[in-house]
Amino acid sequence: MAEFVERALGEDAQSMLTDTPIDDHEPGIGPGFESFDLSEPLLRGLDKAGFSEPTPVQAASLPVALAGHDLMAAAATGSGKTAAFLLPIMQRLLDEPAPHAGTRVLILVPTRELAVQTRAHFLALGSYTRLMAEVIVGGEPRGHQVASLRRNPDIIIATPGRLLEHLQMGEADLLDLRFLVLDEADRMLDLGLAEDVFAIVGAAPAERQSMLFSATLNRRGVAGVAEHLLREPVTLTLDHHRGAHPDIDHAMLLSDDPAHKQAQLARLLEERSFDRALVFCNTRAGAERTAGALQEAGRRCALLHGELDQRERRRVMALFRDGGVPVLVASDVAARGLDVPGVELVLNMDVPRSGDDYLHRSGRTGRAGRRGLTITLVSAPEWNRMESIERYLGLDVGRRKLEGLEASFKGAPKRRKPGKKASPSARGSKKAKAQAGNDAGARKKPKQRLRDRKNIGKRRKPAGAAGEGVDAGFEPPKRRA
């Protein structure tokens, strides 16, 4: 794990970073949360939520954020980014109470699911505090959200589109904002939310502390968002986003067609032991088709895609999280921000469209130190895309077979390796052999052609003595007797 700090920190923050071993940090090793001078209510909340040791991203981010610096951090999915920005912000709110102020913290996230999960993290960590947080997302009744905004919650967790609507209608204001967090910034760019984010940032006070978290800082446009949002930020890169997750195993099954994939999926879910499994499809239609086939086969499963309203999405997620259904079939809408404990198996019915999509799908498992498995079903038209994903992420995805369901497609044929370049001596010997062959050919009999063997015949000679001395063909005609 690499750490890059782009500007000098204050003396206190530098000492805290020095005392915190960031390289090769593993859960259960190193100092606990007590070393960050967190208040008693937060420590009790951490203990109740089951947090014993900080993760690498938390150990690196907490000193910087507590010192009041702007922060830009890149860390792998499932690395504990949410607590990395919630804990220092909650500590600052407890240190600087302002009972008559408006909302002081804004956390922008790309999806409704991530907003709900962020609030769940807040409730777990802040269970012994009097801090209050509200969620503002699309798909919810506006009247309820207006009532929540009028209560002046300490923290607003929102998706950009709906919050911007409230700001434009005068139903929300950010005049007292002290802290601004942009989570999953690369995903926001993928969804085309950059303009909404810029408009919201323009409505916030310039004097604030801002933090940006993303799976990668190399995504095109992230630097522009950071320049608009942050001032002289400290940059941390932990667990490079292309690095293989140590707790996730990867495998692939070769498939012939969608019907063959469906049979393989049913066999995998039948034979493997798991508490919860996620099945991903590239499209909503594919997810509906897959879920319908599983339900027809008697398998309990739920369906999640972008066309569901918020109430139905909540019902589906509650069923899956509480164990009511062990299998959730989802389109790419759930690939990011879906944080459900106990997911042990991820199945890709379709090869993801990119390496980053594959990374975020597989990142739904292997969390909190538990092992996970990702299996991708690969058909012939998807082979090249799967190979490119392996190269992009540096993965060596092993092939597996299901007895009785082997594919006739065996993968791309092995490419013939280019031959070695001939040495000068070998080239000389080849030339000598070619010259000897030419000399031998010169001594061979000429080729016999049909036209040479054809019997043309001889020219007829004039008959009789009468023709003596007269050229043939010029003898005068004879008279009849």
Protein backbone atom coordinates (compact mmCIF):
# COMPACT_ATOMS: atom_id res chain seq x y z
CA MET A 1 0.00 0.00 0.00
CA ALA A 2 1.41 3.32 -1.04
CA GLU A 3 0.87 6.68 0.56
CA PHE A 4 1.37 9.95 -1.29
CA VAL A 5 1.14 13.27 0.55
CA GLU A 6 1.21 16.23 -1.80
CA ARG A 7 1.79 18.97 0.71
CA ALA A 8 3.24 19.35 4.19
CA LEU A 9 0.87 18.67 7.06
CA GLY A 10 0.74 20.44 10.34
CA GLU A 11 3.07 19.20 13.06
CA ASP A 12 0.32 17.40 14.98
CA ALA A 13 -1.02 15.66 11.89
CA GLN A 14 2.47 14.67 10.80
CA SER A 15 3.19 13.08 14.16
CA MET A 16 -0.10 11.20 14.12
CA LEU A 17 0.60 9.87 10.63
CA THR A 18 4.11 8.89 11.65
CA ASP A 19 2.86 6.99 14.68
CA THR A 20 0.27 5.13 12.59
CA PRO A 21 1.77 2.25 10.60
CA ILE A 22 0.08 2.55 7.22
CA ASP A 23 2.18 0.18 5.11
CA ASP A 24 1.02 -3.43 5.18
CA HIS A 25 -1.58 -2.61 7.80
CA GLU A 26 -4.03 -5.43 8.46
CA PRO A 27 -7.15 -5.46 10.64
CA GLY A 28 -6.24 -6.47 14.15
CA ILE A 29 -2.69 -5.08 13.95
CA GLY A 30 -1.55 -1.69 15.20
CA PRO A 31 -3.15 0.95 17.41
CA GLY A 32 -6.87 1.06 18.10
CA PHE A 33 -9.23 3.99 17.70
CA GLU A 34 -8.24 5.28 21.14
CA SER A 35 -5.03 6.70 19.64
CA PHE A 36 -7.05 9.26 17.63
CA ASP A 37 -8.47 11.02 20.71
CA LEU A 38 -12.06 10.26 19.80
CA SER A 39 -14.71 11.17 22.37
CA GLU A 40 -16.24 8.60 24.68
CA PRO A 41 -19.63 8.45 22.86
CA LEU A 42 -17.91 7.63 19.57
CA LEU A 43 -15.68 5.00 21.15
CA ARG A 44 -18.71 3.37 22.69
CA GLY A 45 -20.47 3.48 19.32
CA LEU A 46 -17.45 1.88 17.65
CA ASP A 47 -17.40 -0.87 20.23
CA LYS A 48 -21.14 -1.49 19.85
CA ALA A 49 -20.81 -1.60 16.04
CA GLY A 50 -17.99 -4.16 16.29
CA PHE A 51 -15.09 -1.92 15.20
CA SER A 52 -11.94 -2.94 17.04
CA GLU A 53 -9.05 -1.76 14.83
CA PRO A 54 -8.97 0.91 12.10
CA THR A 55 -8.58 -0.20 8.51
CA PRO A 56 -5.69 1.26 6.47
CA VAL A 57 -7.84 4.00 4.91
CA GLN A 58 -9.22 4.94 8.33
CA ALA A 59 -5.77 5.00 9.92
CA ALA A 60 -4.48 7.27 7.15
CA SER A 61 -7.51 9.58 6.83
CA LEU A 62 -8.46 10.23 10.46
CA PRO A 63 -5.37 12.31 11.42
CA VAL A 64 -5.63 14.44 8.27
CA ALA A 65 -9.37 15.07 8.60
CA LEU A 66 -9.20 15.74 12.35
CA ALA A 67 -6.48 18.35 11.68
CA GLY A 68 -8.93 20.20 9.40
CA HIS A 69 -7.21 19.62 6.05
CA ASP A 70 -9.00 19.01 2.79
CA LEU A 71 -8.58 15.41 1.72
CA MET A 72 -8.62 13.45 -1.53
CA ALA A 73 -8.40 9.69 -1.02
CA ALA A 74 -8.44 6.67 -3.31
CA ALA A 75 -9.15 3.31 -1.74
CA ALA A 76 -10.57 0.00 -2.85
CA THR A 77 -14.24 -0.84 -2.43
CA GLY A 78 -15.03 -2.27 1.00
CA SER A 79 -12.00 -0.67 2.65
CA GLY A 80 -13.98 1.30 5.26
CA LYS A 81 -14.20 4.69 3.48
CA THR A 82 -17.53 5.57 5.09
CA ALA A 83 -16.23 5.45 8.65
CA ALA A 84 -13.06 7.21 7.46
CA PHE A 85 -15.00 10.43 6.84
CA LEU A 86 -17.88 9.98 9.32
CA LEU A 87 -15.72 9.61 12.42
CA PRO A 88 -13.66 12.83 12.08
CA ILE A 89 -16.71 14.85 11.06
CA MET A 90 -18.76 13.60 14.01
CA GLN A 91 -15.87 14.30 16.35
CA ARG A 92 -15.58 17.87 15.04
CA LEU A 93 -19.34 18.39 15.50
CA LEU A 94 -19.11 17.15 19.10
CA ASP A 95 -16.11 19.41 19.78
CA GLU A 96 -17.86 22.49 18.33
CA PRO A 97 -21.55 22.35 19.30
CA ALA A 98 -23.88 24.80 17.55
CA PRO A 99 -27.46 24.07 18.65
CA HIS A 100 -28.98 27.02 16.76
CA ALA A 101 -27.13 26.50 13.48
CA GLY A 102 -28.49 24.93 10.34
CA THR A 103 -27.11 21.87 8.61
CA ARG A 104 -23.33 21.78 8.99
CA VAL A 105 -22.44 18.60 7.07
CA LEU A 106 -23.37 17.56 3.52
CA ILE A 107 -22.47 14.12 2.17
CA LEU A 108 -23.13 13.66 -1.55
CA VAL A 109 -23.42 10.11 -2.89
CA PRO A 110 -24.32 8.82 -6.37
CA THR A 111 -27.12 6.34 -5.54
CA ARG A 112 -30.06 5.98 -3.19
CA GLU A 113 -28.77 2.67 -1.85
CA LEU A 114 -25.46 4.23 -0.86
CA ALA A 115 -27.25 7.12 0.87
CA VAL A 116 -29.33 4.71 2.97
CA GLN A 117 -26.28 2.64 3.86
CA THR A 118 -24.26 5.73 4.81
CA ARG A 119 -27.03 6.76 7.21
CA ALA A 120 -27.04 3.24 8.66
CA HIS A 121 -23.30 3.59 9.35
CA PHE A 122 -23.95 6.95 10.99
CA LEU A 123 -26.66 5.52 13.23
CA ALA A 124 -24.35 2.70 14.31
CA LEU A 125 -21.37 4.93 15.05
CA GLY A 126 -23.40 7.76 16.59
CA SER A 127 -25.80 5.69 18.67
CA TYR A 128 -24.51 7.37 21.88
CA THR A 129 -24.58 10.92 20.51
CA ARG A 130 -27.38 13.41 19.95
CA LEU A 131 -26.38 14.08 16.36
CA MET A 132 -29.08 13.79 13.70
CA ALA A 133 -28.85 12.88 10.00
CA GLU A 134 -31.44 12.85 7.23
CA VAL A 135 -31.47 11.27 3.76
CA ILE A 136 -32.57 13.32 0.73
CA VAL A 137 -32.86 11.19 -2.42
CA GLY A 138 -35.07 10.91 -5.47
CA GLY A 139 -38.13 8.67 -5.43
CA GLU A 140 -39.26 9.86 -2.00
CA PRO A 141 -42.24 12.17 -1.23
CA ARG A 142 -41.07 15.77 -1.37
CA GLY A 143 -43.33 16.80 1.51
CA HIS A 144 -41.60 14.45 3.95
CA GLN A 145 -38.21 15.67 2.81
CA VAL A 146 -39.17 19.32 3.26
CA ALA A 147 -40.27 18.54 6.81
CA SER A 148 -36.93 16.82 7.45
CA LEU A 149 -35.00 19.81 6.12
CA ARG A 150 -36.94 22.19 8.36
CA ARG A 151 -35.68 20.27 11.40
CA ASN A 152 -32.14 21.45 10.52
CA PRO A 153 -30.39 18.07 10.80
CA ASP A 154 -26.69 18.14 11.62
CA ILE A 155 -25.92 15.98 8.58
CA ILE A 156 -27.64 15.70 5.20
CA ILE A 157 -26.87 12.62 3.10
CA ALA A 158 -28.15 13.25 -0.41
CA THR A 159 -28.02 12.42 -4.08
CA PRO A 160 -27.18 15.54 -6.13
CA GLY A 161 -30.31 15.71 -8.28
CA ARG A 162 -32.94 15.82 -5.55
CA LEU A 163 -30.92 18.12 -3.26
CA LEU A 164 -30.43 20.58 -6.12
CA GLU A 165 -34.21 20.65 -6.64
CA HIS A 166 -34.73 21.62 -2.99
CA LEU A 167 -32.05 24.32 -3.22
CA GLN A 168 -33.62 25.81 -6.35
CA MET A 169 -37.07 25.82 -4.71
CA GLY A 170 -35.71 27.55 -1.59
CA GLU A 171 -36.59 24.54 0.58
CA ALA A 172 -32.96 23.98 1.67
CA ASP A 173 -29.96 26.19 2.31
CA LEU A 174 -26.30 25.54 2.98
CA LEU A 175 -25.40 28.82 4.66
CA ASP A 176 -24.04 27.13 7.81
CA LEU A 177 -22.23 24.32 6.01
CA ARG A 178 -18.85 23.49 7.51
CA PHE A 179 -18.05 20.07 6.01
CA LEU A 180 -18.64 18.74 2.49
CA VAL A 181 -17.97 15.13 1.45
CA LEU A 182 -18.13 13.73 -2.07
CA ASP A 183 -18.24 9.92 -1.95
CA GLU A 184 -17.77 7.66 -4.99
CA ALA A 185 -16.76 10.62 -7.14
CA ASP A 186 -15.88 8.44 -10.13
CA ARG A 187 -19.34 6.88 -10.07
CA MET A 188 -20.94 10.34 -10.07
CA LEU A 189 -19.02 11.16 -13.23
CA ASP A 190 -20.20 7.91 -14.81
CA LEU A 191 -23.79 8.94 -14.08
CA GLY A 192 -23.32 12.44 -15.49
CA LEU A 193 -23.86 14.23 -12.15
CA ALA A 194 -20.87 16.58 -12.36
CA GLU A 195 -22.94 19.68 -13.28
CA ASP A 196 -25.34 19.11 -10.37
CA VAL A 197 -22.40 18.72 -7.99
CA PHE A 198 -20.83 21.97 -9.21
CA ALA A 199 -24.14 23.81 -8.73
CA ILE A 200 -24.46 22.50 -5.15
CA VAL A 201 -20.85 23.41 -4.35
CA GLY A 202 -21.55 26.92 -5.65
CA ALA A 203 -24.35 27.30 -3.10
CA ALA A 204 -22.07 26.32 -0.19
CA PRO A 205 -19.78 28.68 1.75
CA ALA A 206 -16.20 28.88 0.54
CA GLU A 207 -14.88 28.52 4.10
CA ARG A 208 -15.39 24.80 4.69
CA GLN A 209 -13.51 21.53 4.94
CA SER A 210 -14.03 19.26 1.93
CA MET A 211 -13.21 15.60 1.32
CA LEU A 212 -13.36 13.53 -1.86
CA PHE A 213 -13.32 9.72 -1.85
CA SER A 214 -13.11 7.59 -4.96
CA ALA A 215 -12.14 4.08 -6.02
CA THR A 216 -9.63 5.68 -8.40
CA LEU A 217 -8.21 9.16 -8.83
CA ASN A 218 -7.11 8.42 -12.40
CA ARG A 219 -10.64 8.50 -13.80
CA ARG A 220 -11.04 11.26 -16.37
CA GLY A 221 -12.77 14.24 -14.77
CA VAL A 222 -11.95 13.42 -11.14
CA ALA A 223 -9.09 15.92 -11.14
CA GLY A 224 -11.43 18.65 -12.43
CA VAL A 225 -13.98 17.92 -9.70
CA ALA A 226 -11.25 17.96 -7.07
CA GLU A 227 -9.94 21.30 -8.31
CA HIS A 228 -13.45 22.75 -8.05
CA LEU A 229 -14.11 21.25 -4.62
CA LEU A 230 -10.82 21.14 -2.69
CA ARG A 231 -8.20 23.61 -1.58
CA GLU A 232 -4.60 22.36 -1.26
CA PRO A 233 -5.77 18.83 -0.43
CA VAL A 234 -3.76 16.04 1.13
CA THR A 235 -3.85 13.14 -1.33
CA LEU A 236 -3.84 9.55 -0.11
CA THR A 237 -3.73 6.50 -2.37
CA LEU A 238 -4.31 3.23 -0.57
CA ASP A 239 -4.93 -0.24 -2.02
CA HIS A 240 -4.64 0.63 -5.71
CA HIS A 241 -8.00 0.10 -7.35
CA ARG A 242 -6.57 -2.37 -9.86
CA GLY A 243 -4.98 -4.54 -7.21
CA ALA A 244 -6.47 -7.97 -6.57
CA HIS A 245 -8.43 -8.14 -3.31
CA PRO A 246 -6.64 -10.65 -1.05
CA ASP A 247 -9.91 -12.12 0.28
CA ILE A 248 -11.65 -12.71 -3.07
CA ASP A 249 -11.12 -15.73 -5.33
CA HIS A 250 -11.93 -15.47 -9.06
CA ALA A 251 -13.10 -18.15 -11.49
CA MET A 252 -14.83 -18.44 -14.88
CA LEU A 253 -17.11 -20.95 -16.56
CA LEU A 254 -17.24 -21.22 -20.35
CA SER A 255 -20.79 -21.13 -21.74
CA ASP A 256 -22.45 -21.60 -25.12
CA ASP A 257 -25.60 -19.46 -24.97
CA PRO A 258 -28.05 -17.82 -22.50
CA ALA A 259 -29.95 -21.08 -21.93
CA HIS A 260 -26.69 -22.85 -21.12
CA LYS A 261 -25.75 -20.05 -18.70
CA GLN A 262 -29.11 -20.41 -16.96
CA ALA A 263 -28.53 -24.13 -16.43
CA GLN A 264 -25.03 -23.47 -15.09
CA LEU A 265 -26.36 -20.80 -12.73
CA ALA A 266 -28.99 -23.15 -11.33
CA ARG A 267 -26.33 -25.83 -10.75
CA LEU A 268 -23.94 -23.39 -9.03
CA LEU A 269 -26.64 -22.13 -6.66
CA GLU A 270 -27.65 -25.72 -5.91
CA GLU A 271 -24.19 -27.13 -5.24
CA ARG A 272 -22.45 -24.26 -3.46
CA SER A 273 -23.02 -23.47 0.20
CA PHE A 274 -23.65 -19.78 0.96
CA ASP A 275 -25.74 -17.47 3.12
CA ARG A 276 -26.21 -14.78 0.47
CA ALA A 277 -25.40 -14.67 -3.24
CA LEU A 278 -25.51 -11.80 -5.72
CA VAL A 279 -26.21 -12.44 -9.42
CA PHE A 280 -25.32 -9.55 -11.74
CA CYS A 281 -26.59 -8.93 -15.27
CA ASN A 282 -25.62 -6.14 -17.67
CA THR A 283 -29.20 -5.10 -18.46
CA ARG A 284 -32.54 -4.82 -16.73
CA ALA A 285 -34.12 -7.22 -19.24
CA GLY A 286 -31.40 -9.78 -18.52
CA ALA A 287 -31.94 -9.45 -14.77
CA GLU A 288 -35.70 -9.92 -15.15
CA ARG A 289 -35.20 -12.96 -17.36
CA THR A 290 -32.69 -14.53 -14.95
CA ALA A 291 -34.83 -13.91 -11.86
CA GLY A 292 -37.92 -15.29 -13.61
CA ALA A 293 -36.11 -18.50 -14.59
CA LEU A 294 -34.85 -19.02 -11.03
CA GLN A 295 -38.31 -18.48 -9.57
CA GLU A 296 -39.84 -20.92 -12.05
CA ALA A 297 -37.27 -23.49 -10.92
CA GLY A 298 -38.37 -23.00 -7.29
CA ARG A 299 -35.40 -20.91 -6.17
CA ARG A 300 -36.22 -18.05 -3.78
CA CYS A 301 -34.71 -14.84 -5.12
CA ALA A 302 -35.37 -11.10 -5.37
CA LEU A 303 -34.89 -8.66 -8.24
CA LEU A 304 -33.26 -5.22 -8.08
CA HIS A 305 -32.93 -2.76 -10.97
CA GLY A 306 -33.19 0.96 -11.68
CA GLU A 307 -36.86 0.99 -12.65
CA LEU A 308 -38.13 0.00 -9.19
CA ASP A 309 -39.60 2.77 -7.05
CA GLN A 310 -37.98 3.57 -3.73
CA ARG A 311 -40.49 1.68 -1.61
CA GLU A 312 -40.00 -1.51 -3.62
CA ARG A 313 -36.23 -1.14 -3.55
CA ARG A 314 -36.29 -0.83 0.23
CA ARG A 315 -38.50 -3.90 0.53
CA VAL A 316 -36.16 -5.93 -1.71
CA MET A 317 -33.03 -4.84 0.16
CA ALA A 318 -34.65 -5.57 3.52
CA LEU A 319 -35.57 -9.08 2.37
CA PHE A 320 -32.04 -9.76 1.19
CA ARG A 321 -30.32 -8.16 4.19
CA ASP A 322 -32.52 -9.97 6.72
CA GLY A 323 -32.11 -13.34 5.03
CA GLY A 324 -35.65 -13.55 3.68
CA VAL A 325 -34.23 -14.40 0.26
CA PRO A 326 -30.72 -15.85 -0.15
CA VAL A 327 -30.25 -14.73 -3.79
CA LEU A 328 -30.49 -11.21 -5.22
CA VAL A 329 -30.48 -10.74 -9.00
CA ALA A 330 -29.42 -7.19 -9.88
CA SER A 331 -28.49 -5.04 -12.82
CA ASP A 332 -25.45 -2.74 -12.69
CA VAL A 333 -27.44 -0.22 -10.61
CA ALA A 334 -26.49 -2.21 -7.50
CA ALA A 335 -22.84 -2.83 -8.34
CA ARG A 336 -21.70 0.17 -6.29
CA GLY A 337 -22.81 1.22 -2.88
CA LEU A 338 -24.40 -2.14 -2.07
CA ASP A 339 -23.04 -3.07 1.34
CA VAL A 340 -24.73 -6.20 2.68
CA PRO A 341 -22.81 -8.27 5.24
CA GLY A 342 -22.44 -11.96 4.60
CA VAL A 343 -22.37 -11.97 0.77
CA GLU A 344 -20.15 -14.97 0.03
CA LEU A 345 -20.78 -15.52 -3.67
CA VAL A 346 -20.95 -13.14 -6.66
CA LEU A 347 -22.05 -14.55 -10.03
CA ASN A 348 -21.70 -12.58 -13.27
CA MET A 349 -24.25 -13.84 -15.79
CA ASP A 350 -22.70 -11.41 -18.30
CA VAL A 351 -19.08 -10.33 -18.50
CA PRO A 352 -18.99 -6.76 -17.13
CA ARG A 353 -18.51 -3.94 -19.61
CA SER A 354 -15.18 -2.83 -18.11
CA GLY A 355 -12.53 -3.79 -15.60
CA ASP A 356 -13.79 -1.18 -13.14
CA ASP A 357 -17.32 -2.63 -13.33
CA TYR A 358 -15.90 -6.09 -12.67
CA LEU A 359 -13.98 -4.74 -9.70
CA HIS A 360 -17.02 -3.13 -8.12
CA ARG A 361 -19.18 -6.20 -8.68
CA SER A 362 -16.67 -8.56 -7.10
CA GLY A 363 -16.16 -6.06 -4.28
CA ARG A 364 -19.61 -6.91 -2.89
CA THR A 365 -18.03 -10.00 -1.35
CA GLY A 366 -14.84 -10.57 0.63
CA ARG A 367 -15.67 -7.81 3.13
CA ALA A 368 -14.74 -7.41 6.79
CA GLY A 369 -12.00 -10.03 6.53
CA ARG A 370 -14.31 -12.78 5.21
CA ARG A 371 -13.45 -14.74 2.07
CA GLY A 372 -15.56 -14.45 -1.05
CA LEU A 373 -15.80 -15.98 -4.51
CA THR A 374 -16.62 -14.37 -7.87
CA ILE A 375 -17.59 -16.61 -10.81
CA THR A 376 -18.12 -15.21 -14.31
CA LEU A 377 -19.98 -17.07 -17.08
CA VAL A 378 -18.18 -16.38 -20.37
CA SER A 379 -19.57 -17.10 -23.84
CA ALA A 380 -17.66 -16.92 -27.11
CA PRO A 381 -18.65 -13.30 -27.97
CA GLU A 382 -17.51 -12.21 -24.48
CA TRP A 383 -14.13 -13.92 -24.50
CA ASN A 384 -12.06 -10.95 -25.69
CA ARG A 385 -13.69 -8.64 -23.13
CA MET A 386 -12.89 -11.09 -20.31
CA GLU A 387 -9.28 -11.30 -21.45
CA SER A 388 -8.99 -7.52 -21.48
CA ILE A 389 -10.41 -7.37 -17.92
CA GLU A 390 -7.81 -9.88 -16.77
CA ARG A 391 -5.03 -7.79 -18.29
CA TYR A 392 -6.42 -4.52 -16.90
CA LEU A 393 -6.72 -5.82 -13.33
CA GLY A 394 -3.74 -8.16 -13.42
CA LEU A 395 -5.92 -11.16 -12.55
CA ASP A 396 -5.34 -14.80 -13.40
CA VAL A 397 -8.92 -16.10 -13.51
CA GLY A 398 -8.94 -19.89 -13.43
CA ARG A 399 -11.36 -21.98 -15.50
CA ARG A 400 -13.83 -24.33 -13.86
CA LYS A 401 -16.12 -27.02 -15.24
CA LEU A 402 -19.48 -28.38 -14.17
CA GLU A 403 -19.82 -32.06 -14.91
CA GLY A 404 -22.51 -32.60 -17.49
CA LEU A 405 -22.69 -28.89 -18.36
CA GLU A 406 -19.40 -28.45 -20.20
CA ALA A 407 -19.45 -25.94 -23.04
CA SER A 408 -18.61 -26.81 -26.62
CA PHE A 409 -16.79 -23.47 -26.67
CA LYS A 410 -13.27 -24.09 -25.36
CA GLY A 411 -11.90 -20.57 -25.40
CA ALA A 412 -9.81 -18.79 -27.99
CA PRO A 413 -7.29 -21.03 -29.80
CA LYS A 414 -3.71 -20.67 -28.76
CA ARG A 415 -1.87 -18.30 -31.00
CA ARG A 416 1.10 -19.66 -32.91
CA LYS A 417 4.31 -18.22 -31.62
CA PRO A 418 6.47 -16.46 -34.20
CA GLY A 419 9.48 -18.52 -35.34
CA LYS A 420 13.02 -17.62 -34.43
CA LYS A 421 15.00 -15.47 -36.81
CA ALA A 422 17.49 -17.53 -38.80
CA SER A 423 21.17 -17.06 -38.03
CA PRO A 424 23.58 -15.82 -40.76
CA SER A 425 25.10 -19.30 -41.12
CA ALA A 426 21.68 -20.86 -41.52
CA ARG A 427 20.71 -18.24 -44.09
CA GLY A 428 23.95 -19.01 -45.99
CA SER A 429 23.25 -22.72 -46.05
CA LYS A 430 19.71 -22.08 -47.33
CA LYS A 431 21.08 -19.98 -50.19
CA ALA A 432 23.58 -22.71 -51.08
CA LYS A 433 20.83 -25.32 -51.18
CA ALA A 434 18.69 -23.09 -53.38
CA GLN A 435 21.59 -22.54 -55.84
CA ALA A 436 22.33 -26.26 -56.01
CA GLY A 437 18.69 -26.87 -56.78
CA ASN A 438 18.79 -24.35 -59.63
CA ASP A 439 21.89 -26.01 -61.17
CA ALA A 440 20.26 -29.42 -60.99
CA GLY A 441 17.14 -28.03 -62.65
CA ALA A 442 19.20 -26.62 -65.49
CA ARG A 443 20.55 -30.13 -66.32
CA LYS A 444 17.07 -31.67 -66.46
CA LYS A 445 15.36 -32.48 -69.78
CA PRO A 446 13.10 -29.78 -71.09
CA LYS A 447 9.48 -30.13 -70.22
CA GLN A 448 7.43 -32.03 -72.77
CA ARG A 449 4.32 -30.12 -73.73
CA LEU A 450 1.32 -31.40 -75.61
CA ARG A 451 1.82 -29.00 -78.46
CA ASP A 452 5.36 -30.32 -78.90
CA ARG A 453 4.17 -33.94 -79.07
CA LYS A 454 1.29 -33.25 -81.50
CA ASN A 455 1.65 -34.88 -84.98
CA ILE A 456 1.37 -31.98 -87.36
CA GLY A 457 2.08 -34.10 -90.49
CA LYS A 458 4.06 -33.32 -93.65
CA ARG A 459 3.19 -31.09 -96.59
CA ARG A 460 1.89 -33.06 -99.58
CA LYS A 461 4.12 -33.24 -102.67
CA PRO A 462 2.71 -32.79 -106.21
CA ALA A 463 2.17 -36.16 -107.99
CA GLY A 464 3.15 -37.31 -111.52
CA ALA A 465 5.85 -36.32 -113.97
CA ALA A 466 3.64 -33.72 -115.49
CA GLY A 467 4.51 -31.57 -112.70
CA GLU A 468 8.23 -31.81 -113.27
CA GLY A 469 9.74 -28.41 -113.61
CA VAL A 470 6.50 -26.74 -112.65
CA ASP A 471 5.94 -25.35 -109.25
CA ALA A 472 3.28 -27.12 -107.32
CA GLY A 473 0.00 -25.40 -107.63
CA PHE A 474 0.88 -23.64 -110.90
CA GLU A 475 0.41 -26.54 -113.36
CA PRO A 476 -2.25 -25.70 -116.00
CA PRO A 477 -5.44 -27.73 -115.84
CA LYS A 478 -5.63 -30.87 -118.02
CA ARG A 479 -8.15 -31.34 -120.77
CA ARG A 480 -10.55 -34.23 -120.67
CA ALA A 481 -10.16 -36.80 -123.47
